[in-house]
Amino acid sequence: MARGGQGLARVAVVVRAGAAPLWWCGVVAAGVGVLPSGITGRRIGVMAGAALFIVAAAVVALVRRKRYTALARAAVRASKHDVLQDRGVAVRNWRRGHRWWLLLAFAAALGSAFAVPAAAGLLLAGCGTGLRLKAAWLGRLERAEDALLWVRVDWLAGNGGHPAGKAVKSYRSTGIAAGDAAPGGARRRTAALV
């Protein structure tokens, strides 16, 4: 990196990185978890799982919003020497850093199906949905400010997560066209050639 430049990762991309793995782990665990009748029975397990899905999605989507908003309002313009991290790199770093937690959560969700069928799987899927909702909220925030939000890579946790953690002192901002991810962290759609 040149003269004081920093590696920057998109905030929304880091938030969104865990959505798909959690969702799919949860859906698969819930699907397999319906097979045993468990201690509570399938009906109670699925109803409890549905409630956990809704609660988890809401909690994950809403937690730390004030911190994200405060950091976004205080964002400073990125320097021309800052290096913008590709979306794929940020997603890969998050997934590599959390792979053992994901595997452990998946195994726990499968094991718990013998007590309460499908409930823990739906809880995982709810967490993934909550992350997707939070990333979409960040995308709306970025569009309203007409600026993309970035966080220094060295301020992220060792596993590539926590874009609003205690180590994060401020965000950087760029124009809406910077980087390879759209507002909210999704892949940027390129215009079709005519």
C-alpha atoms as a PDB file:
ATOM      1  CA  MET A   1       0.000   0.000   0.000  1.00  0.00           C
ATOM      2  CA  ALA A   2       1.299   3.386  -0.917  1.00  0.00           C
ATOM      3  CA  ARG A   3       1.976   6.332   1.425  1.00  0.00           C
ATOM      4  CA  GLY A   4      -0.373   5.849   4.340  1.00  0.00           C
ATOM      5  CA  GLY A   5      -3.086   4.081   2.372  1.00  0.00           C
ATOM      6  CA  GLN A   6      -5.287   1.504   4.102  1.00  0.00           C
ATOM      7  CA  GLY A   7      -6.983  -1.665   2.933  1.00  0.00           C
ATOM      8  CA  LEU A   8     -10.726  -1.036   3.089  1.00  0.00           C
ATOM      9  CA  ALA A   9     -13.567  -3.576   3.087  1.00  0.00           C
ATOM     10  CA  ARG A  10     -17.191  -2.700   2.354  1.00  0.00           C
ATOM     11  CA  VAL A  11     -19.262  -2.666   5.545  1.00  0.00           C
ATOM     12  CA  ALA A  12     -22.381  -4.090   3.868  1.00  0.00           C
ATOM     13  CA  VAL A  13     -20.362  -6.871   2.210  1.00  0.00           C
ATOM     14  CA  VAL A  14     -18.902  -7.985   5.551  1.00  0.00           C
ATOM     15  CA  VAL A  15     -22.386  -7.952   7.125  1.00  0.00           C
ATOM     16  CA  ARG A  16     -23.920  -9.839   4.214  1.00  0.00           C
ATOM     17  CA  ALA A  17     -21.098 -12.418   3.969  1.00  0.00           C
ATOM     18  CA  GLY A  18     -22.616 -14.660   6.636  1.00  0.00           C
ATOM     19  CA  ALA A  19     -26.198 -14.513   5.371  1.00  0.00           C
ATOM     20  CA  ALA A  20     -26.035 -17.277   2.753  1.00  0.00           C
ATOM     21  CA  PRO A  21     -23.989 -19.796   4.794  1.00  0.00           C
ATOM     22  CA  LEU A  22     -26.224 -19.384   7.843  1.00  0.00           C
ATOM     23  CA  TRP A  23     -29.381 -19.580   5.726  1.00  0.00           C
ATOM     24  CA  TRP A  24     -28.323 -22.763   3.907  1.00  0.00           C
ATOM     25  CA  CYS A  25     -26.942 -24.453   7.034  1.00  0.00           C
ATOM     26  CA  GLY A  26     -30.231 -23.652   8.749  1.00  0.00           C
ATOM     27  CA  VAL A  27     -32.457 -24.834   5.903  1.00  0.00           C
ATOM     28  CA  VAL A  28     -30.553 -28.121   5.509  1.00  0.00           C
ATOM     29  CA  ALA A  29     -30.471 -28.696   9.284  1.00  0.00           C
ATOM     30  CA  ALA A  30     -34.197 -27.945   9.556  1.00  0.00           C
ATOM     31  CA  GLY A  31     -34.997 -30.227   6.617  1.00  0.00           C
ATOM     32  CA  VAL A  32     -33.015 -33.123   8.067  1.00  0.00           C
ATOM     33  CA  GLY A  33     -34.202 -32.222  11.569  1.00  0.00           C
ATOM     34  CA  VAL A  34     -37.834 -32.840  10.622  1.00  0.00           C
ATOM     35  CA  LEU A  35     -37.113 -36.538  10.052  1.00  0.00           C
ATOM     36  CA  PRO A  36     -36.865 -37.618  13.718  1.00  0.00           C
ATOM     37  CA  SER A  37     -40.030 -37.027  15.735  1.00  0.00           C
ATOM     38  CA  GLY A  38     -37.940 -35.893  18.728  1.00  0.00           C
ATOM     39  CA  ILE A  39     -39.071 -35.480  22.303  1.00  0.00           C
ATOM     40  CA  THR A  40     -41.541 -32.671  21.594  1.00  0.00           C
ATOM     41  CA  GLY A  41     -42.902 -34.020  18.312  1.00  0.00           C
ATOM     42  CA  ARG A  42     -42.562 -32.499  14.839  1.00  0.00           C
ATOM     43  CA  ARG A  43     -45.470 -30.065  15.087  1.00  0.00           C
ATOM     44  CA  ILE A  44     -44.224 -28.380  18.265  1.00  0.00           C
ATOM     45  CA  GLY A  45     -40.647 -28.388  16.954  1.00  0.00           C
ATOM     46  CA  VAL A  46     -41.595 -26.678  13.701  1.00  0.00           C
ATOM     47  CA  MET A  47     -43.823 -24.129  15.478  1.00  0.00           C
ATOM     48  CA  ALA A  48     -41.051 -23.342  17.970  1.00  0.00           C
ATOM     49  CA  GLY A  49     -38.602 -23.096  15.069  1.00  0.00           C
ATOM     50  CA  ALA A  50     -40.867 -20.664  13.219  1.00  0.00           C
ATOM     51  CA  ALA A  51     -41.044 -18.440  16.301  1.00  0.00           C
ATOM     52  CA  LEU A  52     -37.255 -18.634  16.724  1.00  0.00           C
ATOM     53  CA  PHE A  53     -36.798 -17.786  13.030  1.00  0.00           C
ATOM     54  CA  ILE A  54     -38.842 -14.584  13.364  1.00  0.00           C
ATOM     55  CA  VAL A  55     -37.200 -13.517  16.631  1.00  0.00           C
ATOM     56  CA  ALA A  56     -33.665 -14.250  15.381  1.00  0.00           C
ATOM     57  CA  ALA A  57     -34.240 -12.398  12.095  1.00  0.00           C
ATOM     58  CA  ALA A  58     -35.581  -9.351  13.940  1.00  0.00           C
ATOM     59  CA  VAL A  59     -32.854  -9.288  16.602  1.00  0.00           C
ATOM     60  CA  VAL A  60     -29.973  -9.763  14.140  1.00  0.00           C
ATOM     61  CA  ALA A  61     -31.410  -7.149  11.760  1.00  0.00           C
ATOM     62  CA  LEU A  62     -31.893  -4.535  14.492  1.00  0.00           C
ATOM     63  CA  VAL A  63     -28.905  -5.053  16.813  1.00  0.00           C
ATOM     64  CA  ARG A  64     -26.247  -2.272  16.832  1.00  0.00           C
ATOM     65  CA  ARG A  65     -28.098  -0.043  14.362  1.00  0.00           C
ATOM     66  CA  LYS A  66     -27.252   3.043  16.411  1.00  0.00           C
ATOM     67  CA  ARG A  67     -23.553   2.189  16.218  1.00  0.00           C
ATOM     68  CA  TYR A  68     -23.706   1.672  12.444  1.00  0.00           C
ATOM     69  CA  THR A  69     -25.617   4.948  12.005  1.00  0.00           C
ATOM     70  CA  ALA A  70     -23.173   6.903  14.185  1.00  0.00           C
ATOM     71  CA  LEU A  71     -20.180   5.506  12.302  1.00  0.00           C
ATOM     72  CA  ALA A  72     -21.854   6.233   8.956  1.00  0.00           C
ATOM     73  CA  ARG A  73     -22.581   9.863   9.905  1.00  0.00           C
ATOM     74  CA  ALA A  74     -18.982  10.387  10.997  1.00  0.00           C
ATOM     75  CA  ALA A  75     -17.493   8.720   7.884  1.00  0.00           C
ATOM     76  CA  VAL A  76     -14.554  10.516   6.293  1.00  0.00           C
ATOM     77  CA  ARG A  77     -13.725  10.511   2.606  1.00  0.00           C
ATOM     78  CA  ALA A  78     -11.380   7.693   1.572  1.00  0.00           C
ATOM     79  CA  SER A  79      -7.898   8.736   0.492  1.00  0.00           C
ATOM     80  CA  LYS A  80      -6.693   8.185  -3.067  1.00  0.00           C
ATOM     81  CA  HIS A  81      -4.028   5.902  -1.553  1.00  0.00           C
ATOM     82  CA  ASP A  82      -6.593   3.602   0.120  1.00  0.00           C
ATOM     83  CA  VAL A  83      -6.962   0.162  -1.454  1.00  0.00           C
ATOM     84  CA  LEU A  84     -10.557  -1.024  -1.896  1.00  0.00           C
ATOM     85  CA  GLN A  85     -10.965  -4.729  -1.194  1.00  0.00           C
ATOM     86  CA  ASP A  86     -12.896  -6.790  -3.730  1.00  0.00           C
ATOM     87  CA  ARG A  87     -16.267  -8.149  -2.660  1.00  0.00           C
ATOM     88  CA  GLY A  88     -15.115 -11.747  -3.196  1.00  0.00           C
ATOM     89  CA  VAL A  89     -12.085 -11.282  -0.940  1.00  0.00           C
ATOM     90  CA  ALA A  90     -14.180  -9.884   1.934  1.00  0.00           C
ATOM     91  CA  VAL A  91     -16.736 -12.703   1.612  1.00  0.00           C
ATOM     92  CA  ARG A  92     -14.003 -15.357   1.450  1.00  0.00           C
ATOM     93  CA  ASN A  93     -12.235 -13.906   4.516  1.00  0.00           C
ATOM     94  CA  TRP A  94     -15.470 -13.936   6.546  1.00  0.00           C
ATOM     95  CA  ARG A  95     -16.355 -17.475   5.521  1.00  0.00           C
ATOM     96  CA  ARG A  96     -12.866 -18.822   6.186  1.00  0.00           C
ATOM     97  CA  GLY A  97     -12.791 -17.102   9.564  1.00  0.00           C
ATOM     98  CA  HIS A  98     -16.168 -18.522  10.584  1.00  0.00           C
ATOM     99  CA  ARG A  99     -16.080 -21.983   8.961  1.00  0.00           C
ATOM    100  CA  TRP A 100     -15.578 -23.884  12.225  1.00  0.00           C
ATOM    101  CA  TRP A 101     -18.348 -21.922  13.959  1.00  0.00           C
ATOM    102  CA  LEU A 102     -20.671 -22.650  11.041  1.00  0.00           C
ATOM    103  CA  LEU A 103     -19.798 -26.347  11.147  1.00  0.00           C
ATOM    104  CA  LEU A 104     -20.315 -26.478  14.920  1.00  0.00           C
ATOM    105  CA  ALA A 105     -23.656 -24.628  14.664  1.00  0.00           C
ATOM    106  CA  PHE A 106     -24.797 -26.995  11.895  1.00  0.00           C
ATOM    107  CA  ALA A 107     -23.830 -30.057  13.940  1.00  0.00           C
ATOM    108  CA  ALA A 108     -25.574 -28.650  17.023  1.00  0.00           C
ATOM    109  CA  ALA A 109     -28.719 -27.929  14.996  1.00  0.00           C
ATOM    110  CA  LEU A 110     -28.738 -31.495  13.669  1.00  0.00           C
ATOM    111  CA  GLY A 111     -28.150 -32.971  17.127  1.00  0.00           C
ATOM    112  CA  SER A 112     -30.864 -30.867  18.749  1.00  0.00           C
ATOM    113  CA  ALA A 113     -33.409 -32.231  16.258  1.00  0.00           C
ATOM    114  CA  PHE A 114     -33.650 -35.369  18.385  1.00  0.00           C
ATOM    115  CA  ALA A 115     -35.098 -33.182  21.138  1.00  0.00           C
ATOM    116  CA  VAL A 116     -36.922 -30.406  19.239  1.00  0.00           C
ATOM    117  CA  PRO A 117     -37.183 -31.187  15.505  1.00  0.00           C
ATOM    118  CA  ALA A 118     -36.198 -28.411  13.061  1.00  0.00           C
ATOM    119  CA  ALA A 119     -36.125 -25.638  15.705  1.00  0.00           C
ATOM    120  CA  ALA A 120     -32.374 -24.971  15.799  1.00  0.00           C
ATOM    121  CA  GLY A 121     -32.122 -25.163  12.016  1.00  0.00           C
ATOM    122  CA  LEU A 122     -34.812 -22.515  11.653  1.00  0.00           C
ATOM    123  CA  LEU A 123     -32.972 -20.416  14.257  1.00  0.00           C
ATOM    124  CA  LEU A 124     -29.830 -20.510  12.074  1.00  0.00           C
ATOM    125  CA  ALA A 125     -31.856 -19.631   8.986  1.00  0.00           C
ATOM    126  CA  GLY A 126     -33.378 -16.707  10.897  1.00  0.00           C
ATOM    127  CA  CYS A 127     -29.901 -15.398  11.738  1.00  0.00           C
ATOM    128  CA  GLY A 128     -28.981 -15.554   8.042  1.00  0.00           C
ATOM    129  CA  THR A 129     -32.163 -13.713   7.111  1.00  0.00           C
ATOM    130  CA  GLY A 130     -31.422 -11.063   9.743  1.00  0.00           C
ATOM    131  CA  LEU A 131     -27.969 -10.455   8.251  1.00  0.00           C
ATOM    132  CA  ARG A 132     -29.508 -10.085   4.789  1.00  0.00           C
ATOM    133  CA  LEU A 133     -32.048  -7.584   6.175  1.00  0.00           C
ATOM    134  CA  LYS A 134     -29.284  -5.621   7.935  1.00  0.00           C
ATOM    135  CA  ALA A 135     -27.251  -5.469   4.714  1.00  0.00           C
ATOM    136  CA  ALA A 136     -30.332  -4.223   2.846  1.00  0.00           C
ATOM    137  CA  TRP A 137     -30.820  -1.529   5.518  1.00  0.00           C
ATOM    138  CA  LEU A 138     -27.169  -0.504   5.095  1.00  0.00           C
ATOM    139  CA  GLY A 139     -27.782  -0.334   1.339  1.00  0.00           C
ATOM    140  CA  ARG A 140     -30.675   2.080   1.883  1.00  0.00           C
ATOM    141  CA  LEU A 141     -28.452   4.145   4.195  1.00  0.00           C
ATOM    142  CA  GLU A 142     -25.738   4.234   1.512  1.00  0.00           C
ATOM    143  CA  ARG A 143     -28.214   5.279  -1.186  1.00  0.00           C
ATOM    144  CA  ALA A 144     -29.630   8.032   1.050  1.00  0.00           C
ATOM    145  CA  GLU A 145     -26.122   9.395   1.673  1.00  0.00           C
ATOM    146  CA  ASP A 146     -25.077   8.722  -1.952  1.00  0.00           C
ATOM    147  CA  ALA A 147     -21.872   7.166  -0.612  1.00  0.00           C
ATOM    148  CA  LEU A 148     -20.575   3.656   0.005  1.00  0.00           C
ATOM    149  CA  LEU A 149     -19.294   2.828   3.504  1.00  0.00           C
ATOM    150  CA  TRP A 150     -15.930   1.123   4.033  1.00  0.00           C
ATOM    151  CA  VAL A 151     -14.070  -0.098   7.116  1.00  0.00           C
ATOM    152  CA  ARG A 152     -10.348  -0.595   7.561  1.00  0.00           C
ATOM    153  CA  VAL A 153      -9.459  -4.265   7.187  1.00  0.00           C
ATOM    154  CA  ASP A 154      -7.060  -4.138  10.138  1.00  0.00           C
ATOM    155  CA  TRP A 155      -9.940  -2.974  12.373  1.00  0.00           C
ATOM    156  CA  LEU A 156     -12.017  -6.055  11.581  1.00  0.00           C
ATOM    157  CA  ALA A 157     -11.828  -9.048  13.912  1.00  0.00           C
ATOM    158  CA  GLY A 158      -9.303 -11.767  13.114  1.00  0.00           C
ATOM    159  CA  ASN A 159     -12.097 -13.811  11.520  1.00  0.00           C
ATOM    160  CA  GLY A 160     -12.983 -11.007   9.082  1.00  0.00           C
ATOM    161  CA  GLY A 161     -16.148  -9.904  10.886  1.00  0.00           C
ATOM    162  CA  HIS A 162     -17.471  -7.253  13.296  1.00  0.00           C
ATOM    163  CA  PRO A 163     -17.586  -4.167  11.037  1.00  0.00           C
ATOM    164  CA  ALA A 164     -19.076  -2.170  13.928  1.00  0.00           C
ATOM    165  CA  GLY A 165     -16.938  -3.688  16.698  1.00  0.00           C
ATOM    166  CA  LYS A 166     -15.063  -1.822  19.410  1.00  0.00           C
ATOM    167  CA  ALA A 167     -11.867  -1.703  17.326  1.00  0.00           C
ATOM    168  CA  VAL A 168     -13.649   0.237  14.559  1.00  0.00           C
ATOM    169  CA  LYS A 169     -13.092   3.954  15.160  1.00  0.00           C
ATOM    170  CA  SER A 170     -14.630   5.330  11.960  1.00  0.00           C
ATOM    171  CA  TYR A 171     -15.778   4.461   8.474  1.00  0.00           C
ATOM    172  CA  ARG A 172     -14.481   5.762   5.175  1.00  0.00           C
ATOM    173  CA  SER A 173     -16.758   6.735   2.313  1.00  0.00           C
ATOM    174  CA  THR A 174     -16.461   6.708  -1.451  1.00  0.00           C
ATOM    175  CA  GLY A 175     -18.719   7.535  -4.356  1.00  0.00           C
ATOM    176  CA  ILE A 176     -21.583   5.187  -5.076  1.00  0.00           C
ATOM    177  CA  ALA A 177     -19.817   3.703  -8.135  1.00  0.00           C
ATOM    178  CA  ALA A 178     -16.624   2.630  -6.304  1.00  0.00           C
ATOM    179  CA  GLY A 179     -15.768  -1.021  -5.854  1.00  0.00           C
ATOM    180  CA  ASP A 180     -17.403  -4.111  -7.306  1.00  0.00           C
ATOM    181  CA  ALA A 181     -20.421  -4.330  -4.983  1.00  0.00           C
ATOM    182  CA  ALA A 182     -23.697  -2.435  -5.162  1.00  0.00           C
ATOM    183  CA  PRO A 183     -25.209  -0.630  -2.154  1.00  0.00           C
ATOM    184  CA  GLY A 184     -26.181  -3.303   0.369  1.00  0.00           C
ATOM    185  CA  GLY A 185     -23.253  -5.550  -0.541  1.00  0.00           C
ATOM    186  CA  ALA A 186     -24.760  -7.510  -3.433  1.00  0.00           C
ATOM    187  CA  ARG A 187     -22.819  -8.145  -6.633  1.00  0.00           C
ATOM    188  CA  ARG A 188     -22.904  -5.130  -8.889  1.00  0.00           C
ATOM    189  CA  ARG A 189     -24.856  -5.859 -12.049  1.00  0.00           C
ATOM    190  CA  THR A 190     -23.024  -4.764 -15.152  1.00  0.00           C
ATOM    191  CA  ALA A 191     -24.962  -3.222 -17.979  1.00  0.00           C
ATOM    192  CA  ALA A 192     -25.442  -5.549 -20.930  1.00  0.00           C
ATOM    193  CA  LEU A 193     -23.446  -4.659 -24.024  1.00  0.00           C
ATOM    194  CA  VAL A 194     -25.549  -3.659 -27.017  1.00  0.00           C
END
